[in-house]
Amino acid sequence: MDESLVPVVVRSLTGDILLELRMEDGTTLRQLAKKVRNLKGEGSWLGVAFMCDGELMANSSTIANVLANMEEAEQADLTAIVGETSLADVMHECSLVFLERAGLEVSEEDFLLEGLNSFGHLQLRDYLERHFDVSLAPTVMYDFPTLKQVSEHIHRILLQPGS
């Protein structure tokens, strides 16, 4: 058995087990959240956050980080907080994508077009499409040139039935 595979238990707020699986210790909670969303199978994009021992964990945390927070634990035991995502959640996730993928630290009203060529804009669009599992027009970064505008646009898409 691969030693980097860690038993993970995800519980609801009521303590019911939602998922039991083995994951690589480098898996992020953002990736685990996608599994919870798929399990829920609801029409709208769900916001998923995780708590471990009463502490809210960052979605960029890995399973290894979770284990490090738990004393002598052999499995990652997490509580999932699931709800319809808010505009603030989308804006935060967009800003993380911009920072992680393009090195852009942006505020709500910053223009995203500055300092990037058209290839960079297409790359950002591709990252956003994969991150939120949505389809965006090739011109999205021109049509919605600030963090706030692109976040509002993605939020509207996510709230549509069937997205």
N, C-alpha and C. Protein backbone atom coordinates (compact mmCIF):
# COMPACT_ATOMS: atom_id res chain seq x y z
N MET A 1 0.85 -1.18 0.00
CA MET A 1 0.00 0.00 0.00
C MET A 1 0.89 1.23 0.00
N ASP A 2 0.50 2.25 -0.76
CA ASP A 2 1.24 3.49 -0.86
C ASP A 2 1.11 4.27 0.45
N GLU A 3 2.27 4.60 1.07
CA GLU A 3 2.24 5.28 2.36
C GLU A 3 1.77 6.72 2.24
N SER A 4 1.77 7.30 1.03
CA SER A 4 1.32 8.68 0.89
C SER A 4 -0.20 8.77 0.82
N LEU A 5 -0.90 7.62 0.76
CA LEU A 5 -2.36 7.62 0.79
C LEU A 5 -2.83 7.66 2.24
N VAL A 6 -3.67 8.62 2.52
CA VAL A 6 -4.13 8.87 3.89
C VAL A 6 -5.63 8.63 3.96
N PRO A 7 -6.11 7.91 4.98
CA PRO A 7 -7.55 7.78 5.15
C PRO A 7 -8.16 9.14 5.50
N VAL A 8 -9.24 9.50 4.81
CA VAL A 8 -9.91 10.78 5.02
C VAL A 8 -11.38 10.50 5.30
N VAL A 9 -11.89 11.11 6.35
CA VAL A 9 -13.32 11.02 6.68
C VAL A 9 -13.86 12.44 6.66
N VAL A 10 -14.93 12.64 5.87
CA VAL A 10 -15.60 13.94 5.80
C VAL A 10 -16.99 13.76 6.39
N ARG A 11 -17.29 14.59 7.38
CA ARG A 11 -18.59 14.52 8.08
C ARG A 11 -19.40 15.78 7.80
N SER A 12 -20.71 15.64 7.93
CA SER A 12 -21.58 16.81 7.85
C SER A 12 -21.56 17.51 9.21
N LEU A 13 -22.22 18.66 9.29
CA LEU A 13 -22.29 19.37 10.57
C LEU A 13 -23.04 18.58 11.63
N THR A 14 -23.88 17.64 11.20
CA THR A 14 -24.61 16.80 12.16
C THR A 14 -23.82 15.56 12.57
N GLY A 15 -22.62 15.39 11.98
CA GLY A 15 -21.77 14.26 12.34
C GLY A 15 -21.91 13.06 11.43
N ASP A 16 -22.86 13.10 10.48
CA ASP A 16 -23.03 11.99 9.54
C ASP A 16 -21.82 11.94 8.60
N ILE A 17 -21.40 10.73 8.25
CA ILE A 17 -20.28 10.57 7.34
C ILE A 17 -20.75 10.81 5.90
N LEU A 18 -20.12 11.79 5.24
CA LEU A 18 -20.42 12.08 3.84
C LEU A 18 -19.52 11.28 2.91
N LEU A 19 -18.25 11.20 3.26
CA LEU A 19 -17.25 10.52 2.43
C LEU A 19 -16.23 9.81 3.31
N GLU A 20 -15.83 8.65 2.88
CA GLU A 20 -14.68 7.95 3.45
C GLU A 20 -13.85 7.50 2.27
N LEU A 21 -12.61 7.96 2.20
CA LEU A 21 -11.76 7.61 1.08
C LEU A 21 -10.30 7.74 1.47
N ARG A 22 -9.44 7.31 0.58
CA ARG A 22 -7.99 7.44 0.77
C ARG A 22 -7.50 8.43 -0.26
N MET A 23 -6.71 9.40 0.19
CA MET A 23 -6.22 10.44 -0.70
C MET A 23 -4.73 10.64 -0.48
N GLU A 24 -4.06 11.13 -1.52
CA GLU A 24 -2.65 11.45 -1.39
C GLU A 24 -2.49 12.60 -0.41
N ASP A 25 -1.41 12.58 0.36
CA ASP A 25 -1.24 13.60 1.39
C ASP A 25 -1.04 15.00 0.82
N GLY A 26 -0.72 15.11 -0.47
CA GLY A 26 -0.57 16.41 -1.12
C GLY A 26 -1.85 16.97 -1.70
N THR A 27 -2.96 16.22 -1.59
CA THR A 27 -4.25 16.68 -2.11
C THR A 27 -4.71 17.90 -1.33
N THR A 28 -5.18 18.93 -2.04
CA THR A 28 -5.66 20.12 -1.36
C THR A 28 -7.12 19.96 -0.94
N LEU A 29 -7.52 20.77 0.01
CA LEU A 29 -8.93 20.75 0.42
C LEU A 29 -9.82 21.28 -0.70
N ARG A 30 -9.28 22.12 -1.58
CA ARG A 30 -10.04 22.59 -2.74
C ARG A 30 -10.41 21.39 -3.62
N GLN A 31 -9.48 20.43 -3.79
CA GLN A 31 -9.76 19.23 -4.58
C GLN A 31 -10.77 18.34 -3.87
N LEU A 32 -10.66 18.25 -2.56
CA LEU A 32 -11.61 17.46 -1.78
C LEU A 32 -13.01 18.09 -1.86
N ALA A 33 -13.07 19.41 -1.87
CA ALA A 33 -14.36 20.11 -1.98
C ALA A 33 -15.08 19.72 -3.26
N LYS A 34 -14.34 19.53 -4.35
CA LYS A 34 -14.96 19.11 -5.60
C LYS A 34 -15.64 17.75 -5.44
N LYS A 35 -15.02 16.84 -4.69
CA LYS A 35 -15.62 15.53 -4.46
C LYS A 35 -16.91 15.67 -3.65
N VAL A 36 -16.92 16.56 -2.66
CA VAL A 36 -18.12 16.79 -1.86
C VAL A 36 -19.22 17.38 -2.75
N ARG A 37 -18.88 18.35 -3.61
CA ARG A 37 -19.87 18.94 -4.53
C ARG A 37 -20.47 17.86 -5.43
N ASN A 38 -19.61 16.99 -5.97
CA ASN A 38 -20.10 15.91 -6.84
C ASN A 38 -21.03 14.98 -6.09
N LEU A 39 -20.70 14.71 -4.83
CA LEU A 39 -21.53 13.84 -4.00
C LEU A 39 -22.90 14.46 -3.77
N LYS A 40 -22.92 15.76 -3.53
CA LYS A 40 -24.18 16.45 -3.27
C LYS A 40 -25.06 16.49 -4.52
N GLY A 41 -24.43 16.61 -5.70
CA GLY A 41 -25.15 16.55 -6.97
C GLY A 41 -26.28 17.56 -7.11
N GLU A 42 -26.15 18.71 -6.50
CA GLU A 42 -27.20 19.71 -6.59
C GLU A 42 -26.94 20.63 -7.77
N GLY A 43 -27.98 21.35 -8.22
CA GLY A 43 -27.89 22.18 -9.41
C GLY A 43 -26.98 23.38 -9.30
N SER A 44 -26.84 23.96 -8.13
CA SER A 44 -26.02 25.16 -8.03
C SER A 44 -24.63 24.81 -7.55
N TRP A 45 -23.71 25.69 -7.85
CA TRP A 45 -22.33 25.52 -7.39
C TRP A 45 -22.34 25.72 -5.90
N LEU A 46 -21.77 24.77 -5.18
CA LEU A 46 -21.78 24.84 -3.73
C LEU A 46 -20.46 25.34 -3.20
N GLY A 47 -20.55 26.17 -2.18
CA GLY A 47 -19.36 26.56 -1.45
C GLY A 47 -19.10 25.49 -0.40
N VAL A 48 -17.87 25.02 -0.31
CA VAL A 48 -17.51 24.00 0.67
C VAL A 48 -16.29 24.48 1.45
N ALA A 49 -16.42 24.52 2.75
CA ALA A 49 -15.30 24.83 3.63
C ALA A 49 -15.14 23.66 4.58
N PHE A 50 -13.96 23.52 5.16
CA PHE A 50 -13.70 22.40 6.05
C PHE A 50 -13.20 22.90 7.40
N MET A 51 -13.64 22.19 8.43
CA MET A 51 -13.14 22.44 9.78
C MET A 51 -12.44 21.18 10.27
N CYS A 52 -11.39 21.39 11.05
CA CYS A 52 -10.66 20.30 11.66
C CYS A 52 -10.41 20.68 13.11
N ASP A 53 -10.91 19.87 14.02
CA ASP A 53 -10.78 20.16 15.45
C ASP A 53 -11.23 21.58 15.79
N GLY A 54 -12.36 22.01 15.20
CA GLY A 54 -12.91 23.32 15.50
C GLY A 54 -12.24 24.48 14.79
N GLU A 55 -11.24 24.23 13.96
CA GLU A 55 -10.53 25.29 13.26
C GLU A 55 -10.87 25.26 11.78
N LEU A 56 -11.22 26.43 11.23
CA LEU A 56 -11.51 26.53 9.81
C LEU A 56 -10.21 26.41 9.05
N MET A 57 -10.19 25.52 8.05
CA MET A 57 -8.98 25.26 7.27
C MET A 57 -9.05 26.01 5.94
N ALA A 58 -7.92 26.50 5.47
CA ALA A 58 -7.86 27.16 4.15
C ALA A 58 -8.01 26.11 3.06
N ASN A 59 -8.69 26.46 1.98
CA ASN A 59 -8.88 25.51 0.88
C ASN A 59 -7.58 25.14 0.19
N SER A 60 -6.54 25.94 0.40
CA SER A 60 -5.24 25.61 -0.17
C SER A 60 -4.45 24.64 0.71
N SER A 61 -4.97 24.35 1.91
CA SER A 61 -4.32 23.38 2.81
C SER A 61 -4.35 21.99 2.18
N THR A 62 -3.35 21.20 2.51
CA THR A 62 -3.30 19.83 2.01
C THR A 62 -3.74 18.86 3.10
N ILE A 63 -3.97 17.63 2.71
CA ILE A 63 -4.31 16.58 3.68
C ILE A 63 -3.17 16.47 4.70
N ALA A 64 -1.93 16.62 4.25
CA ALA A 64 -0.78 16.59 5.17
C ALA A 64 -0.87 17.71 6.20
N ASN A 65 -1.33 18.91 5.78
CA ASN A 65 -1.52 20.02 6.72
C ASN A 65 -2.58 19.68 7.77
N VAL A 66 -3.64 19.02 7.32
CA VAL A 66 -4.72 18.62 8.23
C VAL A 66 -4.17 17.68 9.29
N LEU A 67 -3.42 16.67 8.84
CA LEU A 67 -2.85 15.71 9.78
C LEU A 67 -1.90 16.39 10.76
N ALA A 68 -1.16 17.38 10.29
CA ALA A 68 -0.23 18.10 11.17
C ALA A 68 -0.99 18.85 12.27
N ASN A 69 -2.23 19.28 11.98
CA ASN A 69 -3.05 19.97 12.97
C ASN A 69 -3.64 19.01 14.00
N MET A 70 -3.70 17.74 13.66
CA MET A 70 -4.30 16.75 14.55
C MET A 70 -3.18 15.97 15.24
N GLU A 71 -3.22 15.92 16.53
CA GLU A 71 -2.17 15.22 17.26
C GLU A 71 -2.29 13.71 17.09
N GLU A 72 -1.22 13.10 16.62
CA GLU A 72 -1.10 11.64 16.48
C GLU A 72 -2.27 10.99 15.78
N ALA A 73 -2.84 11.67 14.80
CA ALA A 73 -3.97 11.12 14.06
C ALA A 73 -3.48 10.24 12.92
N GLU A 74 -4.21 9.18 12.66
CA GLU A 74 -3.87 8.29 11.54
C GLU A 74 -4.78 8.53 10.35
N GLN A 75 -5.81 9.33 10.55
CA GLN A 75 -6.69 9.68 9.45
C GLN A 75 -7.06 11.15 9.57
N ALA A 76 -7.35 11.77 8.44
CA ALA A 76 -7.80 13.16 8.42
C ALA A 76 -9.30 13.16 8.67
N ASP A 77 -9.74 13.79 9.73
CA ASP A 77 -11.15 13.85 10.09
C ASP A 77 -11.60 15.30 9.94
N LEU A 78 -12.46 15.53 8.95
CA LEU A 78 -12.88 16.88 8.62
C LEU A 78 -14.39 17.01 8.68
N THR A 79 -14.84 18.22 9.00
CA THR A 79 -16.26 18.54 8.94
C THR A 79 -16.46 19.48 7.78
N ALA A 80 -17.38 19.14 6.88
CA ALA A 80 -17.66 19.96 5.70
C ALA A 80 -18.79 20.93 6.03
N ILE A 81 -18.58 22.18 5.67
CA ILE A 81 -19.61 23.20 5.78
C ILE A 81 -20.00 23.52 4.34
N VAL A 82 -21.24 23.15 3.98
CA VAL A 82 -21.67 23.23 2.59
C VAL A 82 -22.83 24.22 2.48
N GLY A 83 -22.75 25.11 1.50
CA GLY A 83 -23.83 26.05 1.25
C GLY A 83 -23.65 26.70 -0.09
N GLU A 84 -24.70 27.38 -0.54
CA GLU A 84 -24.59 28.07 -1.82
C GLU A 84 -23.51 29.13 -1.70
N THR A 85 -22.69 29.22 -2.68
CA THR A 85 -21.56 30.13 -2.62
C THR A 85 -22.02 31.58 -2.75
N SER A 86 -21.33 32.46 -2.06
CA SER A 86 -21.66 33.89 -2.10
C SER A 86 -20.74 34.60 -3.08
N LEU A 87 -21.09 35.83 -3.41
CA LEU A 87 -20.24 36.64 -4.27
C LEU A 87 -18.87 36.82 -3.61
N ALA A 88 -18.85 37.01 -2.30
CA ALA A 88 -17.57 37.17 -1.60
C ALA A 88 -16.70 35.93 -1.75
N ASP A 89 -17.32 34.74 -1.70
CA ASP A 89 -16.58 33.49 -1.89
C ASP A 89 -15.96 33.44 -3.29
N VAL A 90 -16.76 33.80 -4.30
CA VAL A 90 -16.28 33.77 -5.68
C VAL A 90 -15.14 34.77 -5.85
N MET A 91 -15.31 35.98 -5.29
CA MET A 91 -14.27 36.99 -5.42
C MET A 91 -12.97 36.53 -4.76
N HIS A 92 -13.10 35.90 -3.61
CA HIS A 92 -11.91 35.39 -2.91
C HIS A 92 -11.23 34.30 -3.75
N GLU A 93 -12.02 33.38 -4.27
CA GLU A 93 -11.45 32.30 -5.09
C GLU A 93 -10.80 32.85 -6.36
N CYS A 94 -11.44 33.85 -6.99
CA CYS A 94 -10.85 34.48 -8.18
C CYS A 94 -9.51 35.13 -7.83
N SER A 95 -9.48 35.85 -6.73
CA SER A 95 -8.22 36.51 -6.35
C SER A 95 -7.12 35.49 -6.09
N LEU A 96 -7.48 34.33 -5.53
CA LEU A 96 -6.49 33.28 -5.32
C LEU A 96 -5.99 32.72 -6.66
N VAL A 97 -6.90 32.53 -7.61
CA VAL A 97 -6.49 32.05 -8.93
C VAL A 97 -5.53 33.04 -9.56
N PHE A 98 -5.85 34.34 -9.50
CA PHE A 98 -4.98 35.35 -10.10
C PHE A 98 -3.61 35.36 -9.44
N LEU A 99 -3.59 35.21 -8.12
CA LEU A 99 -2.32 35.24 -7.39
C LEU A 99 -1.51 33.98 -7.68
N GLU A 100 -2.15 32.81 -7.58
CA GLU A 100 -1.43 31.54 -7.75
C GLU A 100 -0.99 31.32 -9.19
N ARG A 101 -1.80 31.71 -10.16
CA ARG A 101 -1.53 31.38 -11.56
C ARG A 101 -0.78 32.47 -12.32
N ALA A 102 -0.99 33.73 -11.92
CA ALA A 102 -0.38 34.81 -12.68
C ALA A 102 0.48 35.72 -11.81
N GLY A 103 0.54 35.44 -10.52
CA GLY A 103 1.31 36.29 -9.63
C GLY A 103 0.71 37.67 -9.45
N LEU A 104 -0.59 37.80 -9.74
CA LEU A 104 -1.27 39.09 -9.63
C LEU A 104 -1.95 39.22 -8.27
N GLU A 105 -1.57 40.23 -7.53
CA GLU A 105 -2.25 40.53 -6.28
C GLU A 105 -3.18 41.69 -6.59
N VAL A 106 -4.49 41.44 -6.60
CA VAL A 106 -5.43 42.45 -7.06
C VAL A 106 -6.48 42.76 -6.01
N SER A 107 -6.95 44.01 -6.05
CA SER A 107 -8.09 44.40 -5.22
C SER A 107 -9.33 44.43 -6.11
N GLU A 108 -10.47 44.71 -5.53
CA GLU A 108 -11.75 44.65 -6.25
C GLU A 108 -11.78 45.45 -7.54
N GLU A 109 -11.23 46.64 -7.51
CA GLU A 109 -11.35 47.56 -8.66
C GLU A 109 -10.12 47.60 -9.55
N ASP A 110 -9.09 46.80 -9.25
CA ASP A 110 -7.89 46.78 -10.10
C ASP A 110 -8.24 46.24 -11.48
N PHE A 111 -7.64 46.82 -12.50
CA PHE A 111 -7.83 46.33 -13.85
C PHE A 111 -6.93 45.12 -14.06
N LEU A 112 -7.52 44.03 -14.48
CA LEU A 112 -6.79 42.77 -14.65
C LEU A 112 -6.00 42.73 -15.95
N LEU A 113 -6.27 43.67 -16.84
CA LEU A 113 -5.63 43.66 -18.15
C LEU A 113 -4.21 44.23 -18.09
N GLU A 114 -3.93 45.02 -17.08
CA GLU A 114 -2.62 45.66 -17.00
C GLU A 114 -1.53 44.63 -16.75
N GLY A 115 -0.49 44.73 -17.55
CA GLY A 115 0.67 43.87 -17.34
C GLY A 115 0.56 42.48 -17.95
N LEU A 116 -0.55 42.17 -18.59
CA LEU A 116 -0.72 40.86 -19.21
C LEU A 116 -0.98 41.02 -20.70
N ASN A 117 -0.42 40.14 -21.48
CA ASN A 117 -0.74 40.14 -22.91
C ASN A 117 -1.99 39.28 -23.14
N SER A 118 -2.44 39.21 -24.39
CA SER A 118 -3.68 38.47 -24.67
C SER A 118 -3.55 36.99 -24.34
N PHE A 119 -2.35 36.42 -24.48
CA PHE A 119 -2.15 35.03 -24.10
C PHE A 119 -2.35 34.86 -22.59
N GLY A 120 -1.86 35.81 -21.82
CA GLY A 120 -2.05 35.78 -20.36
C GLY A 120 -3.51 35.87 -19.97
N HIS A 121 -4.27 36.68 -20.71
CA HIS A 121 -5.71 36.79 -20.45
C HIS A 121 -6.42 35.46 -20.72
N LEU A 122 -6.04 34.80 -21.82
CA LEU A 122 -6.65 33.51 -22.14
C LEU A 122 -6.28 32.46 -21.10
N GLN A 123 -5.04 32.51 -20.62
CA GLN A 123 -4.63 31.56 -19.58
C GLN A 123 -5.46 31.77 -18.31
N LEU A 124 -5.64 33.04 -17.91
CA LEU A 124 -6.45 33.32 -16.72
C LEU A 124 -7.88 32.82 -16.91
N ARG A 125 -8.43 33.05 -18.10
CA ARG A 125 -9.78 32.56 -18.38
C ARG A 125 -9.84 31.04 -18.24
N ASP A 126 -8.83 30.36 -18.80
CA ASP A 126 -8.78 28.89 -18.71
C ASP A 126 -8.70 28.44 -17.26
N TYR A 127 -7.88 29.10 -16.46
CA TYR A 127 -7.76 28.75 -15.03
C TYR A 127 -9.10 28.94 -14.32
N LEU A 128 -9.78 30.04 -14.62
CA LEU A 128 -11.08 30.30 -14.00
C LEU A 128 -12.11 29.26 -14.43
N GLU A 129 -12.11 28.90 -15.72
CA GLU A 129 -13.04 27.87 -16.20
C GLU A 129 -12.84 26.55 -15.46
N ARG A 130 -11.59 26.14 -15.33
CA ARG A 130 -11.31 24.86 -14.64
C ARG A 130 -11.64 24.96 -13.15
N HIS A 131 -11.29 26.07 -12.55
CA HIS A 131 -11.49 26.22 -11.11
C HIS A 131 -12.98 26.19 -10.76
N PHE A 132 -13.79 26.90 -11.53
CA PHE A 132 -15.22 26.99 -11.22
C PHE A 132 -16.07 26.03 -12.04
N ASP A 133 -15.45 25.31 -12.97
CA ASP A 133 -16.16 24.37 -13.84
C ASP A 133 -17.30 25.09 -14.58
N VAL A 134 -16.94 26.20 -15.23
CA VAL A 134 -17.88 26.98 -16.02
C VAL A 134 -17.27 27.23 -17.40
N SER A 135 -18.09 27.68 -18.31
CA SER A 135 -17.63 28.05 -19.64
C SER A 135 -17.64 29.58 -19.73
N LEU A 136 -16.51 30.17 -20.10
CA LEU A 136 -16.39 31.62 -20.20
C LEU A 136 -15.98 32.01 -21.62
N ALA A 137 -16.48 33.14 -22.09
CA ALA A 137 -16.14 33.64 -23.42
C ALA A 137 -14.65 33.99 -23.47
N PRO A 138 -14.03 33.85 -24.63
CA PRO A 138 -12.62 34.20 -24.76
C PRO A 138 -12.33 35.66 -24.38
N THR A 139 -13.35 36.52 -24.48
CA THR A 139 -13.19 37.95 -24.18
C THR A 139 -13.56 38.32 -22.75
N VAL A 140 -13.75 37.34 -21.89
CA VAL A 140 -14.26 37.63 -20.54
C VAL A 140 -13.39 38.63 -19.79
N MET A 141 -12.07 38.58 -19.97
CA MET A 141 -11.19 39.48 -19.23
C MET A 141 -11.30 40.91 -19.77
N TYR A 142 -11.75 41.08 -21.01
CA TYR A 142 -11.98 42.41 -21.58
C TYR A 142 -13.38 42.90 -21.23
N ASP A 143 -14.35 41.98 -21.26
CA ASP A 143 -15.73 42.34 -20.95
C ASP A 143 -15.93 42.68 -19.48
N PHE A 144 -15.16 42.03 -18.61
CA PHE A 144 -15.26 42.22 -17.16
C PHE A 144 -13.84 42.42 -16.62
N PRO A 145 -13.29 43.64 -16.79
CA PRO A 145 -11.85 43.84 -16.57
C PRO A 145 -11.38 44.00 -15.12
N THR A 146 -12.29 44.00 -14.15
CA THR A 146 -11.83 44.09 -12.75
C THR A 146 -12.17 42.80 -12.02
N LEU A 147 -11.51 42.60 -10.90
CA LEU A 147 -11.78 41.42 -10.07
C LEU A 147 -13.25 41.38 -9.69
N LYS A 148 -13.81 42.51 -9.29
CA LYS A 148 -15.21 42.55 -8.88
C LYS A 148 -16.12 42.18 -10.04
N GLN A 149 -15.88 42.74 -11.23
CA GLN A 149 -16.75 42.47 -12.38
C GLN A 149 -16.68 41.02 -12.84
N VAL A 150 -15.48 40.46 -12.93
CA VAL A 150 -15.38 39.07 -13.37
C VAL A 150 -15.97 38.13 -12.31
N SER A 151 -15.81 38.48 -11.04
CA SER A 151 -16.39 37.66 -9.96
C SER A 151 -17.91 37.69 -10.01
N GLU A 152 -18.48 38.88 -10.23
CA GLU A 152 -19.94 38.99 -10.35
C GLU A 152 -20.46 38.17 -11.54
N HIS A 153 -19.72 38.22 -12.64
CA HIS A 153 -20.12 37.47 -13.83
C HIS A 153 -20.10 35.96 -13.54
N ILE A 154 -19.04 35.48 -12.94
CA ILE A 154 -18.94 34.04 -12.62
C ILE A 154 -20.00 33.65 -11.60
N HIS A 155 -20.25 34.51 -10.62
CA HIS A 155 -21.27 34.24 -9.61
C HIS A 155 -22.64 34.08 -10.26
N ARG A 156 -22.97 34.97 -11.22
CA ARG A 156 -24.25 34.86 -11.94
C ARG A 156 -24.35 33.52 -12.67
N ILE A 157 -23.26 33.11 -13.30
CA ILE A 157 -23.26 31.83 -14.01
C ILE A 157 -23.48 30.67 -13.04
N LEU A 158 -22.81 30.72 -11.91
CA LEU A 158 -22.92 29.63 -10.93
C LEU A 158 -24.31 29.50 -10.34
N LEU A 159 -25.03 30.61 -10.25
CA LEU A 159 -26.37 30.57 -9.66
C LEU A 159 -27.44 30.15 -10.65
N GLN A 160 -27.08 30.02 -11.92
CA GLN A 160 -28.06 29.56 -12.92
C GLN A 160 -28.37 28.09 -12.71
N PRO A 161 -29.62 27.71 -12.85
CA PRO A 161 -29.96 26.29 -12.71
C PRO A 161 -29.17 25.44 -13.72
N GLY A 162 -28.67 24.32 -13.26
CA GLY A 162 -27.95 23.40 -14.12
C GLY A 162 -26.47 23.70 -14.26
N SER A 163 -25.99 24.74 -13.56
CA SER A 163 -24.55 25.04 -13.68
C SER A 163 -23.74 24.18 -12.76
